[in-house]
Amino acid sequence: MAVLNEHPAQSSISWDVIFTSLSAIVFMFYDNATQPESDLKVPYELVVLSAIATPLVGVQSSVGMYLAIREGKRESREQKEKRELEDEKEKKKG
């Protein structure tokens, strides 16, 4: 902790990194917990892994991974719904 308060410029940057990391971790857990559809939830293990990795790889990597997984699930669901609609139209034609 002494290093954080050694120089004002270093202190400012260090605290920014700490609060940004904590905010990102809170965001990932909160966002995942409040997803209305269970099929869009990121597996809890991956959220925990992202939280643990945040101090090691940085916010941009851990949150980026989390968002990529979440959006991949969303896109997968939309493609599935689209295929189902196309199958229904095909059955009505045939």
PDB file of N, CA and C in Angstrom:
ATOM      1  N   MET A   1       0.814  -1.194   0.000  1.00  0.00           N
ATOM      2  CA  MET A   1       0.000   0.000   0.000  1.00  0.00           C
ATOM      3  C   MET A   1       0.860   1.262   0.000  1.00  0.00           C
ATOM      4  N   ALA A   2       2.060   1.167   0.510  1.00  0.00           N
ATOM      5  CA  ALA A   2       2.921   2.350   0.554  1.00  0.00           C
ATOM      6  C   ALA A   2       3.246   2.839  -0.852  1.00  0.00           C
ATOM      7  N   VAL A   3       3.367   1.932  -1.814  1.00  0.00           N
ATOM      8  CA  VAL A   3       3.691   2.301  -3.181  1.00  0.00           C
ATOM      9  C   VAL A   3       2.558   3.126  -3.796  1.00  0.00           C
ATOM     10  N   LEU A   4       1.326   2.824  -3.425  1.00  0.00           N
ATOM     11  CA  LEU A   4       0.186   3.552  -3.982  1.00  0.00           C
ATOM     12  C   LEU A   4       0.226   5.032  -3.641  1.00  0.00           C
ATOM     13  N   ASN A   5       0.779   5.377  -2.493  1.00  0.00           N
ATOM     14  CA  ASN A   5       0.780   6.764  -2.054  1.00  0.00           C
ATOM     15  C   ASN A   5       2.154   7.426  -2.152  1.00  0.00           C
ATOM     16  N   GLU A   6       3.078   6.801  -2.855  1.00  0.00           N
ATOM     17  CA  GLU A   6       4.436   7.315  -2.949  1.00  0.00           C
ATOM     18  C   GLU A   6       4.522   8.638  -3.722  1.00  0.00           C
ATOM     19  N   HIS A   7       3.850   8.721  -4.840  1.00  0.00           N
ATOM     20  CA  HIS A   7       3.878   9.920  -5.681  1.00  0.00           C
ATOM     21  C   HIS A   7       2.437  10.179  -6.163  1.00  0.00           C
ATOM     22  N   PRO A   8       2.007  11.443  -6.206  1.00  0.00           N
ATOM     23  CA  PRO A   8       0.619  11.731  -6.589  1.00  0.00           C
ATOM     24  C   PRO A   8       0.213  11.162  -7.955  1.00  0.00           C
ATOM     25  N   ALA A   9       1.094  11.250  -8.930  1.00  0.00           N
ATOM     26  CA  ALA A   9       0.757  10.727 -10.257  1.00  0.00           C
ATOM     27  C   ALA A   9       0.620   9.206 -10.234  1.00  0.00           C
ATOM     28  N   GLN A  10       1.548   8.546  -9.578  1.00  0.00           N
ATOM     29  CA  GLN A  10       1.491   7.084  -9.460  1.00  0.00           C
ATOM     30  C   GLN A  10       0.266   6.665  -8.669  1.00  0.00           C
ATOM     31  N   SER A  11      -0.035   7.406  -7.633  1.00  0.00           N
ATOM     32  CA  SER A  11      -1.187   7.103  -6.799  1.00  0.00           C
ATOM     33  C   SER A  11      -2.474   7.184  -7.615  1.00  0.00           C
ATOM     34  N   SER A  12      -2.614   8.222  -8.397  1.00  0.00           N
ATOM     35  CA  SER A  12      -3.816   8.411  -9.207  1.00  0.00           C
ATOM     36  C   SER A  12      -4.005   7.267 -10.197  1.00  0.00           C
ATOM     37  N   ILE A  13      -2.951   6.905 -10.895  1.00  0.00           N
ATOM     38  CA  ILE A  13      -3.034   5.829 -11.878  1.00  0.00           C
ATOM     39  C   ILE A  13      -3.311   4.492 -11.191  1.00  0.00           C
ATOM     40  N   SER A  14      -2.637   4.226 -10.086  1.00  0.00           N
ATOM     41  CA  SER A  14      -2.818   2.961  -9.379  1.00  0.00           C
ATOM     42  C   SER A  14      -4.244   2.797  -8.873  1.00  0.00           C
ATOM     43  N   TRP A  15      -4.792   3.843  -8.273  1.00  0.00           N
ATOM     44  CA  TRP A  15      -6.166   3.752  -7.765  1.00  0.00           C
ATOM     45  C   TRP A  15      -7.165   3.638  -8.909  1.00  0.00           C
ATOM     46  N   ASP A  16      -6.886   4.290 -10.037  1.00  0.00           N
ATOM     47  CA  ASP A  16      -7.760   4.139 -11.208  1.00  0.00           C
ATOM     48  C   ASP A  16      -7.810   2.680 -11.654  1.00  0.00           C
ATOM     49  N   VAL A  17      -6.657   2.041 -11.714  1.00  0.00           N
ATOM     50  CA  VAL A  17      -6.597   0.635 -12.129  1.00  0.00           C
ATOM     51  C   VAL A  17      -7.350  -0.249 -11.138  1.00  0.00           C
ATOM     52  N   ILE A  18      -7.175  -0.004  -9.861  1.00  0.00           N
ATOM     53  CA  ILE A  18      -7.851  -0.805  -8.836  1.00  0.00           C
ATOM     54  C   ILE A  18      -9.366  -0.647  -8.939  1.00  0.00           C
ATOM     55  N   PHE A  19      -9.851   0.586  -9.014  1.00  0.00           N
ATOM     56  CA  PHE A  19     -11.297   0.805  -9.071  1.00  0.00           C
ATOM     57  C   PHE A  19     -11.900   0.336 -10.394  1.00  0.00           C
ATOM     58  N   THR A  20     -11.166   0.476 -11.475  1.00  0.00           N
ATOM     59  CA  THR A  20     -11.659  -0.024 -12.764  1.00  0.00           C
ATOM     60  C   THR A  20     -11.774  -1.542 -12.726  1.00  0.00           C
ATOM     61  N   SER A  21     -10.789  -2.197 -12.149  1.00  0.00           N
ATOM     62  CA  SER A  21     -10.826  -3.660 -12.042  1.00  0.00           C
ATOM     63  C   SER A  21     -11.984  -4.114 -11.174  1.00  0.00           C
ATOM     64  N   LEU A  22     -12.170  -3.479 -10.041  1.00  0.00           N
ATOM     65  CA  LEU A  22     -13.286  -3.845  -9.156  1.00  0.00           C
ATOM     66  C   LEU A  22     -14.625  -3.584  -9.833  1.00  0.00           C
ATOM     67  N   SER A  23     -14.735  -2.470 -10.520  1.00  0.00           N
ATOM     68  CA  SER A  23     -15.984  -2.153 -11.234  1.00  0.00           C
ATOM     69  C   SER A  23     -16.275  -3.198 -12.307  1.00  0.00           C
ATOM     70  N   ALA A  24     -15.264  -3.621 -13.021  1.00  0.00           N
ATOM     71  CA  ALA A  24     -15.441  -4.629 -14.068  1.00  0.00           C
ATOM     72  C   ALA A  24     -15.898  -5.955 -13.476  1.00  0.00           C
ATOM     73  N   ILE A  25     -15.303  -6.338 -12.367  1.00  0.00           N
ATOM     74  CA  ILE A  25     -15.686  -7.600 -11.722  1.00  0.00           C
ATOM     75  C   ILE A  25     -17.132  -7.535 -11.242  1.00  0.00           C
ATOM     76  N   VAL A  26     -17.497  -6.431 -10.603  1.00  0.00           N
ATOM     77  CA  VAL A  26     -18.879  -6.261 -10.142  1.00  0.00           C
ATOM     78  C   VAL A  26     -19.830  -6.283 -11.340  1.00  0.00           C
ATOM     79  N   PHE A  27     -19.466  -5.611 -12.430  1.00  0.00           N
ATOM     80  CA  PHE A  27     -20.308  -5.601 -13.627  1.00  0.00           C
ATOM     81  C   PHE A  27     -20.553  -7.015 -14.143  1.00  0.00           C
ATOM     82  N   MET A  28     -19.497  -7.817 -14.258  1.00  0.00           N
ATOM     83  CA  MET A  28     -19.659  -9.162 -14.810  1.00  0.00           C
ATOM     84  C   MET A  28     -20.598 -10.007 -13.961  1.00  0.00           C
ATOM     85  N   PHE A  29     -20.428  -9.972 -12.649  1.00  0.00           N
ATOM     86  CA  PHE A  29     -21.302 -10.764 -11.775  1.00  0.00           C
ATOM     87  C   PHE A  29     -22.738 -10.233 -11.809  1.00  0.00           C
ATOM     88  N   TYR A  30     -22.902  -8.918 -11.741  1.00  0.00           N
ATOM     89  CA  TYR A  30     -24.243  -8.327 -11.733  1.00  0.00           C
ATOM     90  C   TYR A  30     -24.948  -8.560 -13.061  1.00  0.00           C
ATOM     91  N   ASP A  31     -24.259  -8.308 -14.155  1.00  0.00           N
ATOM     92  CA  ASP A  31     -24.858  -8.486 -15.470  1.00  0.00           C
ATOM     93  C   ASP A  31     -25.299  -9.929 -15.680  1.00  0.00           C
ATOM     94  N   ASN A  32     -24.470 -10.856 -15.284  1.00  0.00           N
ATOM     95  CA  ASN A  32     -24.805 -12.270 -15.461  1.00  0.00           C
ATOM     96  C   ASN A  32     -25.976 -12.676 -14.570  1.00  0.00           C
ATOM     97  N   ALA A  33     -26.008 -12.149 -13.347  1.00  0.00           N
ATOM     98  CA  ALA A  33     -27.084 -12.507 -12.410  1.00  0.00           C
ATOM     99  C   ALA A  33     -28.427 -11.924 -12.844  1.00  0.00           C
ATOM    100  N   THR A  34     -28.411 -10.819 -13.585  1.00  0.00           N
ATOM    101  CA  THR A  34     -29.668 -10.170 -13.955  1.00  0.00           C
ATOM    102  C   THR A  34     -30.110 -10.476 -15.382  1.00  0.00           C
ATOM    103  N   GLN A  35     -29.452 -11.416 -16.047  1.00  0.00           N
ATOM    104  CA  GLN A  35     -29.893 -11.816 -17.388  1.00  0.00           C
ATOM    105  C   GLN A  35     -31.271 -12.459 -17.269  1.00  0.00           C
ATOM    106  N   PRO A  36     -32.268 -11.932 -17.995  1.00  0.00           N
ATOM    107  CA  PRO A  36     -33.624 -12.477 -17.857  1.00  0.00           C
ATOM    108  C   PRO A  36     -33.769 -13.888 -18.429  1.00  0.00           C
ATOM    109  N   GLU A  37     -33.048 -14.182 -19.485  1.00  0.00           N
ATOM    110  CA  GLU A  37     -33.141 -15.510 -20.089  1.00  0.00           C
ATOM    111  C   GLU A  37     -31.965 -16.362 -19.616  1.00  0.00           C
ATOM    112  N   SER A  38     -32.269 -17.534 -19.108  1.00  0.00           N
ATOM    113  CA  SER A  38     -31.204 -18.376 -18.564  1.00  0.00           C
ATOM    114  C   SER A  38     -30.256 -18.879 -19.650  1.00  0.00           C
ATOM    115  N   ASP A  39     -30.730 -18.962 -20.890  1.00  0.00           N
ATOM    116  CA  ASP A  39     -29.841 -19.451 -21.953  1.00  0.00           C
ATOM    117  C   ASP A  39     -28.806 -18.414 -22.368  1.00  0.00           C
ATOM    118  N   LEU A  40     -28.956 -17.176 -21.898  1.00  0.00           N
ATOM    119  CA  LEU A  40     -27.967 -16.140 -22.199  1.00  0.00           C
ATOM    120  C   LEU A  40     -26.937 -15.984 -21.091  1.00  0.00           C
ATOM    121  N   LYS A  41     -27.133 -16.668 -19.994  1.00  0.00           N
ATOM    122  CA  LYS A  41     -26.192 -16.529 -18.889  1.00  0.00           C
ATOM    123  C   LYS A  41     -24.877 -17.214 -19.222  1.00  0.00           C
ATOM    124  N   VAL A  42     -23.806 -16.534 -18.874  1.00  0.00           N
ATOM    125  CA  VAL A  42     -22.470 -17.105 -19.027  1.00  0.00           C
ATOM    126  C   VAL A  42     -22.283 -18.086 -17.868  1.00  0.00           C
ATOM    127  N   PRO A  43     -21.729 -19.262 -18.106  1.00  0.00           N
ATOM    128  CA  PRO A  43     -21.513 -20.197 -17.006  1.00  0.00           C
ATOM    129  C   PRO A  43     -20.765 -19.536 -15.839  1.00  0.00           C
ATOM    130  N   TYR A  44     -21.241 -19.809 -14.637  1.00  0.00           N
ATOM    131  CA  TYR A  44     -20.690 -19.170 -13.437  1.00  0.00           C
ATOM    132  C   TYR A  44     -19.182 -19.369 -13.334  1.00  0.00           C
ATOM    133  N   GLU A  45     -18.702 -20.549 -13.726  1.00  0.00           N
ATOM    134  CA  GLU A  45     -17.278 -20.838 -13.644  1.00  0.00           C
ATOM    135  C   GLU A  45     -16.464 -19.880 -14.510  1.00  0.00           C
ATOM    136  N   LEU A  46     -17.001 -19.534 -15.689  1.00  0.00           N
ATOM    137  CA  LEU A  46     -16.294 -18.613 -16.577  1.00  0.00           C
ATOM    138  C   LEU A  46     -16.299 -17.182 -16.039  1.00  0.00           C
ATOM    139  N   VAL A  47     -17.385 -16.811 -15.351  1.00  0.00           N
ATOM    140  CA  VAL A  47     -17.426 -15.477 -14.742  1.00  0.00           C
ATOM    141  C   VAL A  47     -16.386 -15.399 -13.626  1.00  0.00           C
ATOM    142  N   VAL A  48     -16.297 -16.443 -12.820  1.00  0.00           N
ATOM    143  CA  VAL A  48     -15.300 -16.480 -11.744  1.00  0.00           C
ATOM    144  C   VAL A  48     -13.896 -16.465 -12.333  1.00  0.00           C
ATOM    145  N   LEU A  49     -13.672 -17.233 -13.383  1.00  0.00           N
ATOM    146  CA  LEU A  49     -12.367 -17.252 -14.040  1.00  0.00           C
ATOM    147  C   LEU A  49     -12.007 -15.868 -14.579  1.00  0.00           C
ATOM    148  N   SER A  50     -12.972 -15.199 -15.181  1.00  0.00           N
ATOM    149  CA  SER A  50     -12.727 -13.837 -15.669  1.00  0.00           C
ATOM    150  C   SER A  50     -12.384 -12.887 -14.538  1.00  0.00           C
ATOM    151  N   ALA A  51     -13.085 -13.031 -13.415  1.00  0.00           N
ATOM    152  CA  ALA A  51     -12.814 -12.169 -12.257  1.00  0.00           C
ATOM    153  C   ALA A  51     -11.405 -12.415 -11.716  1.00  0.00           C
ATOM    154  N   ILE A  52     -11.011 -13.671 -11.655  1.00  0.00           N
ATOM    155  CA  ILE A  52      -9.674 -13.996 -11.163  1.00  0.00           C
ATOM    156  C   ILE A  52      -8.607 -13.495 -12.136  1.00  0.00           C
ATOM    157  N   ALA A  53      -8.912 -13.576 -13.427  1.00  0.00           N
ATOM    158  CA  ALA A  53      -7.937 -13.179 -14.445  1.00  0.00           C
ATOM    159  C   ALA A  53      -7.794 -11.665 -14.587  1.00  0.00           C
ATOM    160  N   THR A  54      -8.774 -10.914 -14.126  1.00  0.00           N
ATOM    161  CA  THR A  54      -8.752  -9.459 -14.326  1.00  0.00           C
ATOM    162  C   THR A  54      -7.464  -8.799 -13.842  1.00  0.00           C
ATOM    163  N   PRO A  55      -6.987  -9.074 -12.629  1.00  0.00           N
ATOM    164  CA  PRO A  55      -5.729  -8.429 -12.221  1.00  0.00           C
ATOM    165  C   PRO A  55      -4.513  -8.896 -13.032  1.00  0.00           C
ATOM    166  N   LEU A  56      -4.601 -10.084 -13.599  1.00  0.00           N
ATOM    167  CA  LEU A  56      -3.471 -10.632 -14.342  1.00  0.00           C
ATOM    168  C   LEU A  56      -3.412 -10.169 -15.793  1.00  0.00           C
ATOM    169  N   VAL A  57      -4.562 -10.150 -16.462  1.00  0.00           N
ATOM    170  CA  VAL A  57      -4.579  -9.841 -17.894  1.00  0.00           C
ATOM    171  C   VAL A  57      -5.164  -8.472 -18.205  1.00  0.00           C
ATOM    172  N   GLY A  58      -5.788  -7.848 -17.243  1.00  0.00           N
ATOM    173  CA  GLY A  58      -6.355  -6.520 -17.441  1.00  0.00           C
ATOM    174  C   GLY A  58      -7.848  -6.558 -17.718  1.00  0.00           C
ATOM    175  N   VAL A  59      -8.454  -5.418 -17.485  1.00  0.00           N
ATOM    176  CA  VAL A  59      -9.899  -5.291 -17.652  1.00  0.00           C
ATOM    177  C   VAL A  59     -10.311  -5.541 -19.097  1.00  0.00           C
ATOM    178  N   GLN A  60      -9.564  -4.991 -20.044  1.00  0.00           N
ATOM    179  CA  GLN A  60      -9.941  -5.110 -21.446  1.00  0.00           C
ATOM    180  C   GLN A  60     -10.009  -6.568 -21.886  1.00  0.00           C
ATOM    181  N   SER A  61      -9.170  -7.414 -21.358  1.00  0.00           N
ATOM    182  CA  SER A  61      -9.181  -8.825 -21.762  1.00  0.00           C
ATOM    183  C   SER A  61     -10.287  -9.607 -21.071  1.00  0.00           C
ATOM    184  N   SER A  62     -10.413  -9.444 -19.761  1.00  0.00           N
ATOM    185  CA  SER A  62     -11.397 -10.240 -19.031  1.00  0.00           C
ATOM    186  C   SER A  62     -12.830  -9.830 -19.362  1.00  0.00           C
ATOM    187  N   VAL A  63     -13.099  -8.537 -19.423  1.00  0.00           N
ATOM    188  CA  VAL A  63     -14.450  -8.097 -19.773  1.00  0.00           C
ATOM    189  C   VAL A  63     -14.730  -8.393 -21.244  1.00  0.00           C
ATOM    190  N   GLY A  64     -13.722  -8.242 -22.082  1.00  0.00           N
ATOM    191  CA  GLY A  64     -13.889  -8.577 -23.490  1.00  0.00           C
ATOM    192  C   GLY A  64     -14.265 -10.040 -23.682  1.00  0.00           C
ATOM    193  N   MET A  65     -13.615 -10.927 -22.947  1.00  0.00           N
ATOM    194  CA  MET A  65     -13.937 -12.353 -23.025  1.00  0.00           C
ATOM    195  C   MET A  65     -15.365 -12.600 -22.556  1.00  0.00           C
ATOM    196  N   TYR A  66     -15.725 -11.990 -21.432  1.00  0.00           N
ATOM    197  CA  TYR A  66     -17.073 -12.160 -20.887  1.00  0.00           C
ATOM    198  C   TYR A  66     -18.130 -11.705 -21.897  1.00  0.00           C
ATOM    199  N   LEU A  67     -17.938 -10.499 -22.463  1.00  0.00           N
ATOM    200  CA  LEU A  67     -18.907  -9.974 -23.417  1.00  0.00           C
ATOM    201  C   LEU A  67     -18.965 -10.806 -24.692  1.00  0.00           C
ATOM    202  N   ALA A  68     -17.826 -11.316 -25.139  1.00  0.00           N
ATOM    203  CA  ALA A  68     -17.802 -12.155 -26.335  1.00  0.00           C
ATOM    204  C   ALA A  68     -18.602 -13.436 -26.115  1.00  0.00           C
ATOM    205  N   ILE A  69     -18.461 -14.041 -24.951  1.00  0.00           N
ATOM    206  CA  ILE A  69     -19.217 -15.259 -24.653  1.00  0.00           C
ATOM    207  C   ILE A  69     -20.701 -14.948 -24.584  1.00  0.00           C
ATOM    208  N   ARG A  70     -21.051 -13.865 -23.896  1.00  0.00           N
ATOM    209  CA  ARG A  70     -22.464 -13.497 -23.750  1.00  0.00           C
ATOM    210  C   ARG A  70     -23.093 -13.195 -25.105  1.00  0.00           C
ATOM    211  N   GLU A  71     -22.414 -12.414 -25.926  1.00  0.00           N
ATOM    212  CA  GLU A  71     -22.963 -12.062 -27.232  1.00  0.00           C
ATOM    213  C   GLU A  71     -22.980 -13.267 -28.170  1.00  0.00           C
ATOM    214  N   GLY A  72     -22.023 -14.171 -28.018  1.00  0.00           N
ATOM    215  CA  GLY A  72     -22.041 -15.404 -28.804  1.00  0.00           C
ATOM    216  C   GLY A  72     -23.268 -16.235 -28.487  1.00  0.00           C
ATOM    217  N   LYS A  73     -23.629 -16.296 -27.215  1.00  0.00           N
ATOM    218  CA  LYS A  73     -24.838 -17.019 -26.815  1.00  0.00           C
ATOM    219  C   LYS A  73     -26.081 -16.348 -27.396  1.00  0.00           C
ATOM    220  N   ARG A  74     -26.109 -15.023 -27.369  1.00  0.00           N
ATOM    221  CA  ARG A  74     -27.247 -14.280 -27.911  1.00  0.00           C
ATOM    222  C   ARG A  74     -27.378 -14.526 -29.422  1.00  0.00           C
ATOM    223  N   GLU A  75     -26.270 -14.464 -30.124  1.00  0.00           N
ATOM    224  CA  GLU A  75     -26.288 -14.679 -31.573  1.00  0.00           C
ATOM    225  C   GLU A  75     -26.692 -16.111 -31.906  1.00  0.00           C
ATOM    226  N   SER A  76     -26.209 -17.061 -31.130  1.00  0.00           N
ATOM    227  CA  SER A  76     -26.556 -18.460 -31.352  1.00  0.00           C
ATOM    228  C   SER A  76     -28.064 -18.671 -31.191  1.00  0.00           C
ATOM    229  N   ARG A  77     -28.625 -18.040 -30.171  1.00  0.00           N
ATOM    230  CA  ARG A  77     -30.065 -18.178 -29.944  1.00  0.00           C
ATOM    231  C   ARG A  77     -30.844 -17.554 -31.097  1.00  0.00           C
ATOM    232  N   GLU A  78     -30.416 -16.382 -31.567  1.00  0.00           N
ATOM    233  CA  GLU A  78     -31.109 -15.716 -32.669  1.00  0.00           C
ATOM    234  C   GLU A  78     -31.041 -16.548 -33.945  1.00  0.00           C
ATOM    235  N   GLN A  79     -29.899 -17.177 -34.203  1.00  0.00           N
ATOM    236  CA  GLN A  79     -29.771 -18.029 -35.386  1.00  0.00           C
ATOM    237  C   GLN A  79     -30.683 -19.248 -35.278  1.00  0.00           C
ATOM    238  N   LYS A  80     -30.785 -19.801 -34.082  1.00  0.00           N
ATOM    239  CA  LYS A  80     -31.659 -20.960 -33.861  1.00  0.00           C
ATOM    240  C   LYS A  80     -33.111 -20.576 -34.113  1.00  0.00           C
ATOM    241  N   GLU A  81     -33.524 -19.416 -33.595  1.00  0.00           N
ATOM    242  CA  GLU A  81     -34.892 -18.953 -33.811  1.00  0.00           C
ATOM    243  C   GLU A  81     -35.162 -18.708 -35.297  1.00  0.00           C
ATOM    244  N   LYS A  82     -34.182 -18.155 -35.991  1.00  0.00           N
ATOM    245  CA  LYS A  82     -34.325 -17.898 -37.418  1.00  0.00           C
ATOM    246  C   LYS A  82     -34.486 -19.211 -38.193  1.00  0.00           C
ATOM    247  N   ARG A  83     -33.669 -20.222 -37.845  1.00  0.00           N
ATOM    248  CA  ARG A  83     -33.781 -21.527 -38.509  1.00  0.00           C
ATOM    249  C   ARG A  83     -35.143 -22.151 -38.257  1.00  0.00           C
ATOM    250  N   GLU A  84     -35.643 -22.018 -37.018  1.00  0.00           N
ATOM    251  CA  GLU A  84     -36.955 -22.585 -36.691  1.00  0.00           C
ATOM    252  C   GLU A  84     -38.056 -21.915 -37.502  1.00  0.00           C
ATOM    253  N   LEU A  85     -37.976 -20.595 -37.667  1.00  0.00           N
ATOM    254  CA  LEU A  85     -38.971 -19.889 -38.481  1.00  0.00           C
ATOM    255  C   LEU A  85     -38.900 -20.326 -39.935  1.00  0.00           C
ATOM    256  N   GLU A  86     -37.682 -20.480 -40.457  1.00  0.00           N
ATOM    257  CA  GLU A  86     -37.518 -20.935 -41.835  1.00  0.00           C
ATOM    258  C   GLU A  86     -38.059 -22.352 -42.008  1.00  0.00           C
ATOM    259  N   ASP A  87     -37.847 -23.222 -41.003  1.00  0.00           N
ATOM    260  CA  ASP A  87     -38.373 -24.592 -41.070  1.00  0.00           C
ATOM    261  C   ASP A  87     -39.902 -24.587 -41.075  1.00  0.00           C
ATOM    262  N   GLU A  88     -40.507 -23.712 -40.285  1.00  0.00           N
ATOM    263  CA  GLU A  88     -41.972 -23.617 -40.256  1.00  0.00           C
ATOM    264  C   GLU A  88     -42.519 -23.147 -41.595  1.00  0.00           C
ATOM    265  N   LYS A  89     -41.848 -22.142 -42.200  1.00  0.00           N
ATOM    266  CA  LYS A  89     -42.284 -21.656 -43.509  1.00  0.00           C
ATOM    267  C   LYS A  89     -42.162 -22.764 -44.552  1.00  0.00           C
ATOM    268  N   GLU A  90     -41.084 -23.541 -44.458  1.00  0.00           N
ATOM    269  CA  GLU A  90     -40.848 -24.635 -45.402  1.00  0.00           C
ATOM    270  C   GLU A  90     -41.924 -25.707 -45.257  1.00  0.00           C
ATOM    271  N   LYS A  91     -42.328 -26.005 -44.033  1.00  0.00           N
ATOM    272  CA  LYS A  91     -43.376 -27.005 -43.805  1.00  0.00           C
ATOM    273  C   LYS A  91     -44.713 -26.519 -44.363  1.00  0.00           C
ATOM    274  N   LYS A  92     -45.001 -25.224 -44.214  1.00  0.00           N
ATOM    275  CA  LYS A  92     -46.267 -24.690 -44.729  1.00  0.00           C
ATOM    276  C   LYS A  92     -46.306 -24.724 -46.255  1.00  0.00           C
ATOM    277  N   LYS A  93     -45.135 -24.513 -46.884  1.00  0.00           N
ATOM    278  CA  LYS A  93     -45.067 -24.552 -48.335  1.00  0.00           C
ATOM    279  C   LYS A  93     -45.251 -25.981 -48.855  1.00  0.00           C
ATOM    280  N   GLY A  94     -44.591 -26.889 -48.151  1.00  0.00           N
ATOM    281  CA  GLY A  94     -44.545 -28.274 -48.632  1.00  0.00           C
ATOM    282  C   GLY A  94     -45.709 -29.058 -48.247  1.00  0.00           C
TER     283      GLY A  94
END
